Amino acid sequence: LNGYTGTVADYEAQYVDLLTTTRQALPSARLVVLEPFVLRHGV
């Protein structure tokens, strides 16, 4: 829709970086990742 150019590899690397940064800043926190999902409907 918007011309974003991020690849699957970019998504994974950026997500790992985000979670790793969080783990370092909040070492006792529990991190939870929900799987993205879609259904073949609408858009």
PDB file of all heavy atoms in Angstrom:
ATOM      1  N   LEU A   1       0.797  -1.224   0.000  1.00  0.00           N
ATOM      2  CA  LEU A   1       0.000   0.000   0.000  1.00  0.00           C
ATOM      3  C   LEU A   1       0.830   1.275   0.000  1.00  0.00           C
ATOM      4  O   LEU A   1       0.445   2.264  -0.635  1.00  0.00           O
ATOM      5  CB  LEU A   1      -0.919   0.019   1.225  1.00  0.00           C
ATOM      6  CG  LEU A   1      -1.975  -1.080   1.324  1.00  0.00           C
ATOM      7  CD1 LEU A   1      -2.745  -0.931   2.632  1.00  0.00           C
ATOM      8  CD2 LEU A   1      -2.919  -1.033   0.139  1.00  0.00           C
ATOM      9  N   ASN A   2       1.926   1.267   0.733  1.00  0.00           N
ATOM     10  CA  ASN A   2       2.624   2.527   1.030  1.00  0.00           C
ATOM     11  C   ASN A   2       4.065   2.578   0.566  1.00  0.00           C
ATOM     12  O   ASN A   2       4.815   3.465   0.957  1.00  0.00           O
ATOM     13  CB  ASN A   2       2.582   2.799   2.540  1.00  0.00           C
ATOM     14  CG  ASN A   2       1.158   2.927   3.051  1.00  0.00           C
ATOM     15  OD1 ASN A   2       0.273   3.386   2.326  1.00  0.00           O
ATOM     16  ND2 ASN A   2       0.943   2.534   4.300  1.00  0.00           N
ATOM     17  N   GLY A   3       4.489   1.617  -0.219  1.00  0.00           N
ATOM     18  CA  GLY A   3       5.842   1.661  -0.742  1.00  0.00           C
ATOM     19  C   GLY A   3       6.928   1.282   0.247  1.00  0.00           C
ATOM     20  O   GLY A   3       8.115   1.553   0.002  1.00  0.00           O
ATOM     21  N   TYR A   4       6.554   0.676   1.354  1.00  0.00           N
ATOM     22  CA  TYR A   4       7.554   0.204   2.311  1.00  0.00           C
ATOM     23  C   TYR A   4       8.381  -0.896   1.655  1.00  0.00           C
ATOM     24  O   TYR A   4       7.851  -1.705   0.881  1.00  0.00           O
ATOM     25  CB  TYR A   4       6.855  -0.320   3.565  1.00  0.00           C
ATOM     26  CG  TYR A   4       7.782  -0.832   4.633  1.00  0.00           C
ATOM     27  CD1 TYR A   4       8.721   0.005   5.234  1.00  0.00           C
ATOM     28  CD2 TYR A   4       7.700  -2.154   5.070  1.00  0.00           C
ATOM     29  CE1 TYR A   4       9.558  -0.459   6.234  1.00  0.00           C
ATOM     30  CE2 TYR A   4       8.517  -2.633   6.066  1.00  0.00           C
ATOM     31  CZ  TYR A   4       9.453  -1.782   6.644  1.00  0.00           C
ATOM     32  OH  TYR A   4      10.286  -2.253   7.639  1.00  0.00           O
ATOM     33  N   THR A   5       9.670  -0.958   1.945  1.00  0.00           N
ATOM     34  CA  THR A   5      10.558  -1.881   1.237  1.00  0.00           C
ATOM     35  C   THR A   5      11.159  -2.952   2.145  1.00  0.00           C
ATOM     36  O   THR A   5      12.024  -3.714   1.710  1.00  0.00           O
ATOM     37  CB  THR A   5      11.708  -1.111   0.564  1.00  0.00           C
ATOM     38  OG1 THR A   5      12.454  -0.395   1.559  1.00  0.00           O
ATOM     39  CG2 THR A   5      11.171  -0.147  -0.485  1.00  0.00           C
ATOM     40  N   GLY A   6      10.707  -3.047   3.389  1.00  0.00           N
ATOM     41  CA  GLY A   6      11.292  -4.014   4.309  1.00  0.00           C
ATOM     42  C   GLY A   6      11.053  -5.453   3.880  1.00  0.00           C
ATOM     43  O   GLY A   6       9.941  -5.839   3.526  1.00  0.00           O
ATOM     44  N   THR A   7      12.106  -6.260   3.919  1.00  0.00           N
ATOM     45  CA  THR A   7      12.029  -7.659   3.528  1.00  0.00           C
ATOM     46  C   THR A   7      11.714  -8.541   4.738  1.00  0.00           C
ATOM     47  O   THR A   7      11.682  -8.065   5.881  1.00  0.00           O
ATOM     48  CB  THR A   7      13.360  -8.112   2.929  1.00  0.00           C
ATOM     49  OG1 THR A   7      14.371  -8.042   3.963  1.00  0.00           O
ATOM     50  CG2 THR A   7      13.774  -7.210   1.755  1.00  0.00           C
ATOM     51  N   VAL A   8      11.513  -9.822   4.479  1.00  0.00           N
ATOM     52  CA  VAL A   8      11.325 -10.767   5.574  1.00  0.00           C
ATOM     53  C   VAL A   8      12.560 -10.772   6.485  1.00  0.00           C
ATOM     54  O   VAL A   8      12.446 -10.785   7.712  1.00  0.00           O
ATOM     55  CB  VAL A   8      11.061 -12.186   5.024  1.00  0.00           C
ATOM     56  CG1 VAL A   8      11.008 -13.192   6.163  1.00  0.00           C
ATOM     57  CG2 VAL A   8       9.771 -12.221   4.218  1.00  0.00           C
ATOM     58  N   ALA A   9      13.729 -10.750   5.873  1.00  0.00           N
ATOM     59  CA  ALA A   9      14.969 -10.720   6.657  1.00  0.00           C
ATOM     60  C   ALA A   9      15.050  -9.458   7.511  1.00  0.00           C
ATOM     61  O   ALA A   9      15.504  -9.506   8.668  1.00  0.00           O
ATOM     62  CB  ALA A   9      16.179 -10.813   5.731  1.00  0.00           C
ATOM     63  N   ASP A  10      14.631  -8.325   6.961  1.00  0.00           N
ATOM     64  CA  ASP A  10      14.612  -7.076   7.729  1.00  0.00           C
ATOM     65  C   ASP A  10      13.671  -7.206   8.925  1.00  0.00           C
ATOM     66  O   ASP A  10      14.009  -6.796  10.032  1.00  0.00           O
ATOM     67  CB  ASP A  10      14.143  -5.907   6.850  1.00  0.00           C
ATOM     68  CG  ASP A  10      15.124  -5.551   5.767  1.00  0.00           C
ATOM     69  OD1 ASP A  10      16.333  -5.799   5.944  1.00  0.00           O
ATOM     70  OD2 ASP A  10      14.676  -5.035   4.719  1.00  0.00           O
ATOM     71  N   TYR A  11      12.493  -7.742   8.667  1.00  0.00           N
ATOM     72  CA  TYR A  11      11.502  -7.913   9.737  1.00  0.00           C
ATOM     73  C   TYR A  11      12.069  -8.758  10.869  1.00  0.00           C
ATOM     74  O   TYR A  11      11.964  -8.389  12.051  1.00  0.00           O
ATOM     75  CB  TYR A  11      10.258  -8.573   9.139  1.00  0.00           C
ATOM     76  CG  TYR A  11       9.225  -9.032  10.139  1.00  0.00           C
ATOM     77  CD1 TYR A  11       8.511  -8.127  10.916  1.00  0.00           C
ATOM     78  CD2 TYR A  11       8.939 -10.391  10.289  1.00  0.00           C
ATOM     79  CE1 TYR A  11       7.533  -8.556  11.819  1.00  0.00           C
ATOM     80  CE2 TYR A  11       7.973 -10.828  11.186  1.00  0.00           C
ATOM     81  CZ  TYR A  11       7.277  -9.911  11.952  1.00  0.00           C
ATOM     82  OH  TYR A  11       6.332 -10.341  12.845  1.00  0.00           O
ATOM     83  N   GLU A  12      12.682  -9.867  10.523  1.00  0.00           N
ATOM     84  CA  GLU A  12      13.225 -10.746  11.564  1.00  0.00           C
ATOM     85  C   GLU A  12      14.359 -10.075  12.329  1.00  0.00           C
ATOM     86  O   GLU A  12      14.399 -10.109  13.571  1.00  0.00           O
ATOM     87  CB  GLU A  12      13.705 -12.050  10.947  1.00  0.00           C
ATOM     88  CG  GLU A  12      14.232 -13.031  11.983  1.00  0.00           C
ATOM     89  CD  GLU A  12      14.558 -14.385  11.392  1.00  0.00           C
ATOM     90  OE1 GLU A  12      14.188 -14.658  10.220  1.00  0.00           O
ATOM     91  OE2 GLU A  12      15.183 -15.204  12.113  1.00  0.00           O
ATOM     92  N   ALA A  13      15.283  -9.461  11.614  1.00  0.00           N
ATOM     93  CA  ALA A  13      16.421  -8.819  12.278  1.00  0.00           C
ATOM     94  C   ALA A  13      15.968  -7.678  13.182  1.00  0.00           C
ATOM     95  O   ALA A  13      16.474  -7.515  14.304  1.00  0.00           O
ATOM     96  CB  ALA A  13      17.411  -8.304  11.225  1.00  0.00           C
ATOM     97  N   GLN A  14      15.042  -6.878  12.701  1.00  0.00           N
ATOM     98  CA  GLN A  14      14.532  -5.759  13.508  1.00  0.00           C
ATOM     99  C   GLN A  14      13.765  -6.262  14.731  1.00  0.00           C
ATOM    100  O   GLN A  14      13.870  -5.681  15.816  1.00  0.00           O
ATOM    101  CB  GLN A  14      13.627  -4.876  12.644  1.00  0.00           C
ATOM    102  CG  GLN A  14      14.368  -4.119  11.557  1.00  0.00           C
ATOM    103  CD  GLN A  14      13.437  -3.596  10.477  1.00  0.00           C
ATOM    104  OE1 GLN A  14      12.232  -3.881  10.467  1.00  0.00           O
ATOM    105  NE2 GLN A  14      13.990  -2.844   9.532  1.00  0.00           N
ATOM    106  N   TYR A  15      13.032  -7.341  14.560  1.00  0.00           N
ATOM    107  CA  TYR A  15      12.266  -7.907  15.678  1.00  0.00           C
ATOM    108  C   TYR A  15      13.215  -8.481  16.727  1.00  0.00           C
ATOM    109  O   TYR A  15      13.034  -8.263  17.938  1.00  0.00           O
ATOM    110  CB  TYR A  15      11.336  -9.000  15.148  1.00  0.00           C
ATOM    111  CG  TYR A  15      10.031  -9.142  15.897  1.00  0.00           C
ATOM    112  CD1 TYR A  15       8.945  -9.775  15.309  1.00  0.00           C
ATOM    113  CD2 TYR A  15       9.863  -8.661  17.198  1.00  0.00           C
ATOM    114  CE1 TYR A  15       7.731  -9.912  15.959  1.00  0.00           C
ATOM    115  CE2 TYR A  15       8.651  -8.796  17.864  1.00  0.00           C
ATOM    116  CZ  TYR A  15       7.595  -9.431  17.244  1.00  0.00           C
ATOM    117  OH  TYR A  15       6.403  -9.565  17.905  1.00  0.00           O
ATOM    118  N   VAL A  16      14.232  -9.199  16.281  1.00  0.00           N
ATOM    119  CA  VAL A  16      15.229  -9.739  17.224  1.00  0.00           C
ATOM    120  C   VAL A  16      15.898  -8.608  17.982  1.00  0.00           C
ATOM    121  O   VAL A  16      16.091  -8.679  19.203  1.00  0.00           O
ATOM    122  CB  VAL A  16      16.277 -10.581  16.474  1.00  0.00           C
ATOM    123  CG1 VAL A  16      17.457 -10.917  17.395  1.00  0.00           C
ATOM    124  CG2 VAL A  16      15.652 -11.862  15.940  1.00  0.00           C
ATOM    125  N   ASP A  17      16.263  -7.537  17.264  1.00  0.00           N
ATOM    126  CA  ASP A  17      16.903  -6.391  17.914  1.00  0.00           C
ATOM    127  C   ASP A  17      15.989  -5.765  18.950  1.00  0.00           C
ATOM    128  O   ASP A  17      16.424  -5.427  20.062  1.00  0.00           O
ATOM    129  CB  ASP A  17      17.290  -5.359  16.861  1.00  0.00           C
ATOM    130  CG  ASP A  17      17.929  -4.129  17.477  1.00  0.00           C
ATOM    131  OD1 ASP A  17      19.037  -4.231  18.018  1.00  0.00           O
ATOM    132  OD2 ASP A  17      17.296  -3.055  17.438  1.00  0.00           O
ATOM    133  N   LEU A  18      14.705  -5.616  18.616  1.00  0.00           N
ATOM    134  CA  LEU A  18      13.742  -5.028  19.548  1.00  0.00           C
ATOM    135  C   LEU A  18      13.621  -5.876  20.812  1.00  0.00           C
ATOM    136  O   LEU A  18      13.657  -5.363  21.940  1.00  0.00           O
ATOM    137  CB  LEU A  18      12.380  -4.902  18.870  1.00  0.00           C
ATOM    138  CG  LEU A  18      11.271  -4.233  19.679  1.00  0.00           C
ATOM    139  CD1 LEU A  18      11.495  -2.723  19.739  1.00  0.00           C
ATOM    140  CD2 LEU A  18       9.905  -4.535  19.059  1.00  0.00           C
ATOM    141  N   LEU A  19      13.489  -7.169  20.641  1.00  0.00           N
ATOM    142  CA  LEU A  19      13.329  -8.067  21.783  1.00  0.00           C
ATOM    143  C   LEU A  19      14.606  -8.159  22.606  1.00  0.00           C
ATOM    144  O   LEU A  19      14.564  -8.204  23.853  1.00  0.00           O
ATOM    145  CB  LEU A  19      12.906  -9.455  21.302  1.00  0.00           C
ATOM    146  CG  LEU A  19      11.533  -9.535  20.624  1.00  0.00           C
ATOM    147  CD1 LEU A  19      11.336 -10.907  19.996  1.00  0.00           C
ATOM    148  CD2 LEU A  19      10.410  -9.231  21.607  1.00  0.00           C
ATOM    149  N   THR A  20      15.751  -8.179  21.937  1.00  0.00           N
ATOM    150  CA  THR A  20      17.029  -8.245  22.655  1.00  0.00           C
ATOM    151  C   THR A  20      17.264  -6.983  23.471  1.00  0.00           C
ATOM    152  O   THR A  20      17.707  -7.042  24.631  1.00  0.00           O
ATOM    153  CB  THR A  20      18.185  -8.450  21.655  1.00  0.00           C
ATOM    154  OG1 THR A  20      17.971  -9.659  20.935  1.00  0.00           O
ATOM    155  CG2 THR A  20      19.517  -8.527  22.387  1.00  0.00           C
ATOM    156  N   THR A  21      16.950  -5.837  22.875  1.00  0.00           N
ATOM    157  CA  THR A  21      17.057  -4.572  23.607  1.00  0.00           C
ATOM    158  C   THR A  21      16.153  -4.580  24.833  1.00  0.00           C
ATOM    159  O   THR A  21      16.543  -4.110  25.910  1.00  0.00           O
ATOM    160  CB  THR A  21      16.666  -3.397  22.688  1.00  0.00           C
ATOM    161  OG1 THR A  21      17.580  -3.336  21.585  1.00  0.00           O
ATOM    162  CG2 THR A  21      16.679  -2.078  23.441  1.00  0.00           C
ATOM    163  N   THR A  22      14.962  -5.116  24.677  1.00  0.00           N
ATOM    164  CA  THR A  22      14.025  -5.184  25.795  1.00  0.00           C
ATOM    165  C   THR A  22      14.554  -6.098  26.888  1.00  0.00           C
ATOM    166  O   THR A  22      14.466  -5.778  28.080  1.00  0.00           O
ATOM    167  CB  THR A  22      12.661  -5.687  25.307  1.00  0.00           C
ATOM    168  OG1 THR A  22      12.242  -4.918  24.188  1.00  0.00           O
ATOM    169  CG2 THR A  22      11.617  -5.582  26.410  1.00  0.00           C
ATOM    170  N   ARG A  23      15.094  -7.246  26.484  1.00  0.00           N
ATOM    171  CA  ARG A  23      15.654  -8.178  27.460  1.00  0.00           C
ATOM    172  C   ARG A  23      16.795  -7.541  28.240  1.00  0.00           C
ATOM    173  O   ARG A  23      16.911  -7.720  29.464  1.00  0.00           O
ATOM    174  CB  ARG A  23      16.145  -9.437  26.735  1.00  0.00           C
ATOM    175  CG  ARG A  23      16.875 -10.428  27.608  1.00  0.00           C
ATOM    176  CD  ARG A  23      15.935 -11.142  28.552  1.00  0.00           C
ATOM    177  NE  ARG A  23      15.082 -12.084  27.852  1.00  0.00           N
ATOM    178  CZ  ARG A  23      13.829 -12.354  28.195  1.00  0.00           C
ATOM    179  NH1 ARG A  23      13.276 -11.716  29.210  1.00  0.00           N
ATOM    180  NH2 ARG A  23      13.118 -13.242  27.535  1.00  0.00           N
ATOM    181  N   GLN A  24      17.618  -6.765  27.575  1.00  0.00           N
ATOM    182  CA  GLN A  24      18.744  -6.109  28.247  1.00  0.00           C
ATOM    183  C   GLN A  24      18.272  -5.043  29.218  1.00  0.00           C
ATOM    184  O   GLN A  24      18.811  -4.894  30.313  1.00  0.00           O
ATOM    185  CB  GLN A  24      19.688  -5.505  27.202  1.00  0.00           C
ATOM    186  CG  GLN A  24      20.401  -6.547  26.353  1.00  0.00           C
ATOM    187  CD  GLN A  24      21.129  -5.949  25.169  1.00  0.00           C
ATOM    188  OE1 GLN A  24      20.916  -4.768  24.815  1.00  0.00           O
ATOM    189  NE2 GLN A  24      21.982  -6.727  24.534  1.00  0.00           N
ATOM    190  N   ALA A  25      17.256  -4.292  28.822  1.00  0.00           N
ATOM    191  CA  ALA A  25      16.757  -3.202  29.669  1.00  0.00           C
ATOM    192  C   ALA A  25      15.861  -3.702  30.795  1.00  0.00           C
ATOM    193  O   ALA A  25      15.816  -3.092  31.873  1.00  0.00           O
ATOM    194  CB  ALA A  25      15.999  -2.191  28.815  1.00  0.00           C
ATOM    195  N   LEU A  26      15.159  -4.801  30.541  1.00  0.00           N
ATOM    196  CA  LEU A  26      14.208  -5.349  31.519  1.00  0.00           C
ATOM    197  C   LEU A  26      14.506  -6.836  31.715  1.00  0.00           C
ATOM    198  O   LEU A  26      13.744  -7.712  31.274  1.00  0.00           O
ATOM    199  CB  LEU A  26      12.775  -5.162  31.017  1.00  0.00           C
ATOM    200  CG  LEU A  26      12.327  -3.735  30.698  1.00  0.00           C
ATOM    201  CD1 LEU A  26      10.990  -3.749  29.948  1.00  0.00           C
ATOM    202  CD2 LEU A  26      12.216  -2.911  31.975  1.00  0.00           C
ATOM    203  N   PRO A  27      15.625  -7.147  32.365  1.00  0.00           N
ATOM    204  CA  PRO A  27      16.071  -8.548  32.425  1.00  0.00           C
ATOM    205  C   PRO A  27      15.125  -9.503  33.125  1.00  0.00           C
ATOM    206  O   PRO A  27      15.158 -10.710  32.863  1.00  0.00           O
ATOM    207  CB  PRO A  27      17.416  -8.452  33.167  1.00  0.00           C
ATOM    208  CG  PRO A  27      17.363  -7.157  33.904  1.00  0.00           C
ATOM    209  CD  PRO A  27      16.556  -6.233  33.057  1.00  0.00           C
ATOM    210  N   SER A  28      14.279  -9.004  33.999  1.00  0.00           N
ATOM    211  CA  SER A  28      13.363  -9.891  34.721  1.00  0.00           C
ATOM    212  C   SER A  28      11.982  -9.988  34.075  1.00  0.00           C
ATOM    213  O   SER A  28      11.125 -10.739  34.547  1.00  0.00           O
ATOM    214  CB  SER A  28      13.211  -9.425  36.174  1.00  0.00           C
ATOM    215  OG  SER A  28      12.620  -8.138  36.230  1.00  0.00           O
ATOM    216  N   ALA A  29      11.757  -9.240  33.008  1.00  0.00           N
ATOM    217  CA  ALA A  29      10.443  -9.234  32.362  1.00  0.00           C
ATOM    218  C   ALA A  29      10.241 -10.494  31.523  1.00  0.00           C
ATOM    219  O   ALA A  29      11.193 -11.057  30.966  1.00  0.00           O
ATOM    220  CB  ALA A  29      10.288  -8.000  31.484  1.00  0.00           C
ATOM    221  N   ARG A  30       9.008 -10.919  31.422  1.00  0.00           N
ATOM    222  CA  ARG A  30       8.654 -12.002  30.515  1.00  0.00           C
ATOM    223  C   ARG A  30       8.244 -11.396  29.189  1.00  0.00           C
ATOM    224  O   ARG A  30       7.352 -10.547  29.135  1.00  0.00           O
ATOM    225  CB  ARG A  30       7.518 -12.850  31.085  1.00  0.00           C
ATOM    226  CG  ARG A  30       7.168 -14.034  30.183  1.00  0.00           C
ATOM    227  CD  ARG A  30       6.179 -14.974  30.834  1.00  0.00           C
ATOM    228  NE  ARG A  30       5.914 -16.123  29.986  1.00  0.00           N
ATOM    229  CZ  ARG A  30       5.100 -17.123  30.294  1.00  0.00           C
ATOM    230  NH1 ARG A  30       4.452 -17.097  31.456  1.00  0.00           N
ATOM    231  NH2 ARG A  30       4.911 -18.137  29.477  1.00  0.00           N
ATOM    232  N   LEU A  31       8.879 -11.827  28.115  1.00  0.00           N
ATOM    233  CA  LEU A  31       8.568 -11.344  26.777  1.00  0.00           C
ATOM    234  C   LEU A  31       7.636 -12.340  26.092  1.00  0.00           C
ATOM    235  O   LEU A  31       7.853 -13.556  26.152  1.00  0.00           O
ATOM    236  CB  LEU A  31       9.839 -11.176  25.947  1.00  0.00           C
ATOM    237  CG  LEU A  31      10.942 -10.305  26.558  1.00  0.00           C
ATOM    238  CD1 LEU A  31      12.090 -10.142  25.568  1.00  0.00           C
ATOM    239  CD2 LEU A  31      10.402  -8.959  26.989  1.00  0.00           C
ATOM    240  N   VAL A  32       6.626 -11.813  25.443  1.00  0.00           N
ATOM    241  CA  VAL A  32       5.614 -12.642  24.789  1.00  0.00           C
ATOM    242  C   VAL A  32       5.444 -12.147  23.354  1.00  0.00           C
ATOM    243  O   VAL A  32       5.211 -10.961  23.132  1.00  0.00           O
ATOM    244  CB  VAL A  32       4.266 -12.566  25.535  1.00  0.00           C
ATOM    245  CG1 VAL A  32       3.226 -13.453  24.850  1.00  0.00           C
ATOM    246  CG2 VAL A  32       4.428 -12.940  27.000  1.00  0.00           C
ATOM    247  N   VAL A  33       5.565 -13.053  22.398  1.00  0.00           N
ATOM    248  CA  VAL A  33       5.393 -12.725  20.987  1.00  0.00           C
ATOM    249  C   VAL A  33       4.172 -13.468  20.470  1.00  0.00           C
ATOM    250  O   VAL A  33       4.111 -14.703  20.534  1.00  0.00           O
ATOM    251  CB  VAL A  33       6.633 -13.117  20.165  1.00  0.00           C
ATOM    252  CG1 VAL A  33       6.353 -12.982  18.664  1.00  0.00           C
ATOM    253  CG2 VAL A  33       7.827 -12.258  20.561  1.00  0.00           C
ATOM    254  N   LEU A  34       3.186 -12.719  19.979  1.00  0.00           N
ATOM    255  CA  LEU A  34       2.014 -13.319  19.353  1.00  0.00           C
ATOM    256  C   LEU A  34       2.255 -13.438  17.860  1.00  0.00           C
ATOM    257  O   LEU A  34       2.757 -12.498  17.222  1.00  0.00           O
ATOM    258  CB  LEU A  34       0.759 -12.485  19.605  1.00  0.00           C
ATOM    259  CG  LEU A  34       0.164 -12.552  21.012  1.00  0.00           C
ATOM    260  CD1 LEU A  34       0.950 -11.669  21.979  1.00  0.00           C
ATOM    261  CD2 LEU A  34      -1.301 -12.123  21.001  1.00  0.00           C
ATOM    262  N   GLU A  35       1.907 -14.567  17.308  1.00  0.00           N
ATOM    263  CA  GLU A  35       2.104 -14.815  15.889  1.00  0.00           C
ATOM    264  C   GLU A  35       1.177 -13.928  15.055  1.00  0.00           C
ATOM    265  O   GLU A  35      -0.036 -13.902  15.282  1.00  0.00           O
ATOM    266  CB  GLU A  35       1.800 -16.279  15.582  1.00  0.00           C
ATOM    267  CG  GLU A  35       1.981 -16.653  14.117  1.00  0.00           C
ATOM    268  CD  GLU A  35       1.562 -18.087  13.839  1.00  0.00           C
ATOM    269  OE1 GLU A  35       0.647 -18.598  14.532  1.00  0.00           O
ATOM    270  OE2 GLU A  35       2.157 -18.688  12.930  1.00  0.00           O
ATOM    271  N   PRO A  36       1.712 -13.214  14.070  1.00  0.00           N
ATOM    272  CA  PRO A  36       0.831 -12.483  13.149  1.00  0.00           C
ATOM    273  C   PRO A  36      -0.001 -13.476  12.343  1.00  0.00           C
ATOM    274  O   PRO A  36       0.438 -14.603  12.073  1.00  0.00           O
ATOM    275  CB  PRO A  36       1.796 -11.694  12.262  1.00  0.00           C
ATOM    276  CG  PRO A  36       3.109 -12.376  12.404  1.00  0.00           C
ATOM    277  CD  PRO A  36       3.128 -13.030  13.748  1.00  0.00           C
ATOM    278  N   PHE A  37      -1.191 -13.079  11.976  1.00  0.00           N
ATOM    279  CA  PHE A  37      -2.123 -13.992  11.313  1.00  0.00           C
ATOM    280  C   PHE A  37      -2.983 -13.210  10.323  1.00  0.00           C
ATOM    281  O   PHE A  37      -3.177 -11.997  10.465  1.00  0.00           O
ATOM    282  CB  PHE A  37      -3.043 -14.658  12.349  1.00  0.00           C
ATOM    283  CG  PHE A  37      -3.916 -13.673  13.073  1.00  0.00           C
ATOM    284  CD1 PHE A  37      -5.168 -13.336  12.582  1.00  0.00           C
ATOM    285  CD2 PHE A  37      -3.454 -13.034  14.222  1.00  0.00           C
ATOM    286  CE1 PHE A  37      -5.953 -12.387  13.237  1.00  0.00           C
ATOM    287  CE2 PHE A  37      -4.231 -12.079  14.878  1.00  0.00           C
ATOM    288  CZ  PHE A  37      -5.485 -11.764  14.374  1.00  0.00           C
ATOM    289  N   VAL A  38      -3.515 -13.905   9.341  1.00  0.00           N
ATOM    290  CA  VAL A  38      -4.529 -13.359   8.432  1.00  0.00           C
ATOM    291  C   VAL A  38      -5.443 -14.507   8.019  1.00  0.00           C
ATOM    292  O   VAL A  38      -5.107 -15.681   8.177  1.00  0.00           O
ATOM    293  CB  VAL A  38      -3.924 -12.707   7.161  1.00  0.00           C
ATOM    294  CG1 VAL A  38      -3.128 -11.463   7.510  1.00  0.00           C
ATOM    295  CG2 VAL A  38      -3.081 -13.703   6.378  1.00  0.00           C
ATOM    296  N   LEU A  39      -6.596 -14.164   7.486  1.00  0.00           N
ATOM    297  CA  LEU A  39      -7.484 -15.123   6.839  1.00  0.00           C
ATOM    298  C   LEU A  39      -7.763 -14.648   5.419  1.00  0.00           C
ATOM    299  O   LEU A  39      -7.790 -13.440   5.153  1.00  0.00           O
ATOM    300  CB  LEU A  39      -8.801 -15.247   7.612  1.00  0.00           C
ATOM    301  CG  LEU A  39      -8.719 -15.907   8.984  1.00  0.00           C
ATOM    302  CD1 LEU A  39     -10.081 -15.866   9.676  1.00  0.00           C
ATOM    303  CD2 LEU A  39      -8.223 -17.348   8.881  1.00  0.00           C
ATOM    304  N   ARG A  40      -7.977 -15.567   4.523  1.00  0.00           N
ATOM    305  CA  ARG A  40      -8.255 -15.210   3.130  1.00  0.00           C
ATOM    306  C   ARG A  40      -9.680 -14.686   3.021  1.00  0.00           C
ATOM    307  O   ARG A  40     -10.634 -15.432   2.794  1.00  0.00           O
ATOM    308  CB  ARG A  40      -8.027 -16.408   2.212  1.00  0.00           C
ATOM    309  CG  ARG A  40      -6.584 -16.853   2.214  1.00  0.00           C
ATOM    310  CD  ARG A  40      -6.236 -17.719   1.022  1.00  0.00           C
ATOM    311  NE  ARG A  40      -4.876 -18.222   1.114  1.00  0.00           N
ATOM    312  CZ  ARG A  40      -4.147 -18.645   0.099  1.00  0.00           C
ATOM    313  NH1 ARG A  40      -4.669 -18.615  -1.124  1.00  0.00           N
ATOM    314  NH2 ARG A  40      -2.927 -19.103   0.278  1.00  0.00           N
ATOM    315  N   HIS A  41      -9.779 -13.403   3.208  1.00  0.00           N
ATOM    316  CA  HIS A  41     -11.071 -12.726   3.286  1.00  0.00           C
ATOM    317  C   HIS A  41     -10.814 -11.236   3.124  1.00  0.00           C
ATOM    318  O   HIS A  41      -9.767 -10.735   3.536  1.00  0.00           O
ATOM    319  CB  HIS A  41     -11.718 -13.030   4.644  1.00  0.00           C
ATOM    320  CG  HIS A  41     -12.965 -12.263   4.932  1.00  0.00           C
ATOM    321  ND1 HIS A  41     -14.137 -12.434   4.227  1.00  0.00           N
ATOM    322  CD2 HIS A  41     -13.230 -11.307   5.879  1.00  0.00           C
ATOM    323  CE1 HIS A  41     -15.061 -11.634   4.718  1.00  0.00           C
ATOM    324  NE2 HIS A  41     -14.547 -10.937   5.710  1.00  0.00           N
ATOM    325  N   GLY A  42     -11.718 -10.507   2.541  1.00  0.00           N
ATOM    326  CA  GLY A  42     -11.555  -9.058   2.441  1.00  0.00           C
ATOM    327  C   GLY A  42     -10.339  -8.682   1.625  1.00  0.00           C
ATOM    328  O   GLY A  42     -10.222  -9.032   0.445  1.00  0.00           O
ATOM    329  N   VAL A  43      -9.394  -7.999   2.238  1.00  0.00           N
ATOM    330  CA  VAL A  43      -8.211  -7.512   1.531  1.00  0.00           C
ATOM    331  C   VAL A  43      -7.169  -8.590   1.304  1.00  0.00           C
ATOM    332  O   VAL A  43      -6.210  -8.390   0.551  1.00  0.00           O
ATOM    333  CB  VAL A  43      -7.570  -6.332   2.288  1.00  0.00           C
ATOM    334  CG1 VAL A  43      -8.551  -5.186   2.426  1.00  0.00           C
ATOM    335  CG2 VAL A  43      -7.029  -6.768   3.650  1.00  0.00           C
TER     336      VAL A  43
END
